[in-house]
Amino acid sequence: MLQGLRTIVYYVGDLTAAKEWYKKVFDIEPYFDEPYYVGYNIGGFE
């Protein structure tokens, strides 16, 4: 049974620009940072 959503994945064309945007908007660093995937934990969601 589905009890909720915890992980959301967004595709972005420019990962560097997206990381800068998340840092500016949420004032947070990624918990996982690789050339193919960057992970953030914001409000208990990944």
C-alpha atoms as a PDB file:
ATOM      1  CA  MET A   1       0.000   0.000   0.000  1.00  0.00           C
ATOM      2  CA  LEU A   2       1.309   3.433  -0.922  1.00  0.00           C
ATOM      3  CA  GLN A   3       1.623   5.528   2.238  1.00  0.00           C
ATOM      4  CA  GLY A   4       3.225   8.638   0.846  1.00  0.00           C
ATOM      5  CA  LEU A   5       5.914  10.164  -1.282  1.00  0.00           C
ATOM      6  CA  ARG A   6       9.485  10.598  -0.049  1.00  0.00           C
ATOM      7  CA  THR A   7      11.647  10.917  -3.141  1.00  0.00           C
ATOM      8  CA  ILE A   8      11.102  13.142  -6.170  1.00  0.00           C
ATOM      9  CA  VAL A   9      13.446  13.205  -9.172  1.00  0.00           C
ATOM     10  CA  TYR A  10      13.654  16.189 -11.519  1.00  0.00           C
ATOM     11  CA  TYR A  11      15.643  16.111 -14.747  1.00  0.00           C
ATOM     12  CA  VAL A  12      17.577  19.316 -15.431  1.00  0.00           C
ATOM     13  CA  GLY A  13      19.572  20.236 -18.506  1.00  0.00           C
ATOM     14  CA  ASP A  14      22.230  22.151 -16.561  1.00  0.00           C
ATOM     15  CA  LEU A  15      23.140  20.447 -13.286  1.00  0.00           C
ATOM     16  CA  THR A  16      25.615  23.152 -12.250  1.00  0.00           C
ATOM     17  CA  ALA A  17      23.000  25.899 -12.615  1.00  0.00           C
ATOM     18  CA  ALA A  18      20.427  23.791 -10.755  1.00  0.00           C
ATOM     19  CA  LYS A  19      22.828  23.277  -7.829  1.00  0.00           C
ATOM     20  CA  GLU A  20      23.415  27.033  -7.647  1.00  0.00           C
ATOM     21  CA  TRP A  21      19.658  27.643  -7.675  1.00  0.00           C
ATOM     22  CA  TYR A  22      19.021  25.163  -4.820  1.00  0.00           C
ATOM     23  CA  LYS A  23      21.847  26.718  -2.787  1.00  0.00           C
ATOM     24  CA  LYS A  24      20.426  30.223  -3.310  1.00  0.00           C
ATOM     25  CA  VAL A  25      16.759  29.364  -2.724  1.00  0.00           C
ATOM     26  CA  PHE A  26      17.057  26.790   0.083  1.00  0.00           C
ATOM     27  CA  ASP A  27      20.492  27.707   1.517  1.00  0.00           C
ATOM     28  CA  ILE A  28      21.438  24.015   1.549  1.00  0.00           C
ATOM     29  CA  GLU A  29      24.269  21.841   0.246  1.00  0.00           C
ATOM     30  CA  PRO A  30      23.574  18.468  -1.389  1.00  0.00           C
ATOM     31  CA  TYR A  31      23.996  15.315   0.699  1.00  0.00           C
ATOM     32  CA  PHE A  32      24.969  13.431  -2.470  1.00  0.00           C
ATOM     33  CA  ASP A  33      26.862  15.065  -5.335  1.00  0.00           C
ATOM     34  CA  GLU A  34      28.004  13.168  -8.424  1.00  0.00           C
ATOM     35  CA  PRO A  35      28.257  14.271 -12.078  1.00  0.00           C
ATOM     36  CA  TYR A  36      25.083  12.312 -12.914  1.00  0.00           C
ATOM     37  CA  TYR A  37      22.980  12.875  -9.752  1.00  0.00           C
ATOM     38  CA  VAL A  38      22.706  15.423  -6.952  1.00  0.00           C
ATOM     39  CA  GLY A  39      20.622  14.701  -3.861  1.00  0.00           C
ATOM     40  CA  TYR A  40      19.091  17.123  -1.386  1.00  0.00           C
ATOM     41  CA  ASN A  41      17.103  16.500   1.767  1.00  0.00           C
ATOM     42  CA  ILE A  42      14.549  19.272   2.183  1.00  0.00           C
ATOM     43  CA  GLY A  43      11.863  18.969   4.822  1.00  0.00           C
ATOM     44  CA  GLY A  44      12.309  15.200   5.076  1.00  0.00           C
ATOM     45  CA  PHE A  45      12.001  14.705   1.318  1.00  0.00           C
ATOM     46  CA  GLU A  46      14.775  13.743  -1.071  1.00  0.00           C
END
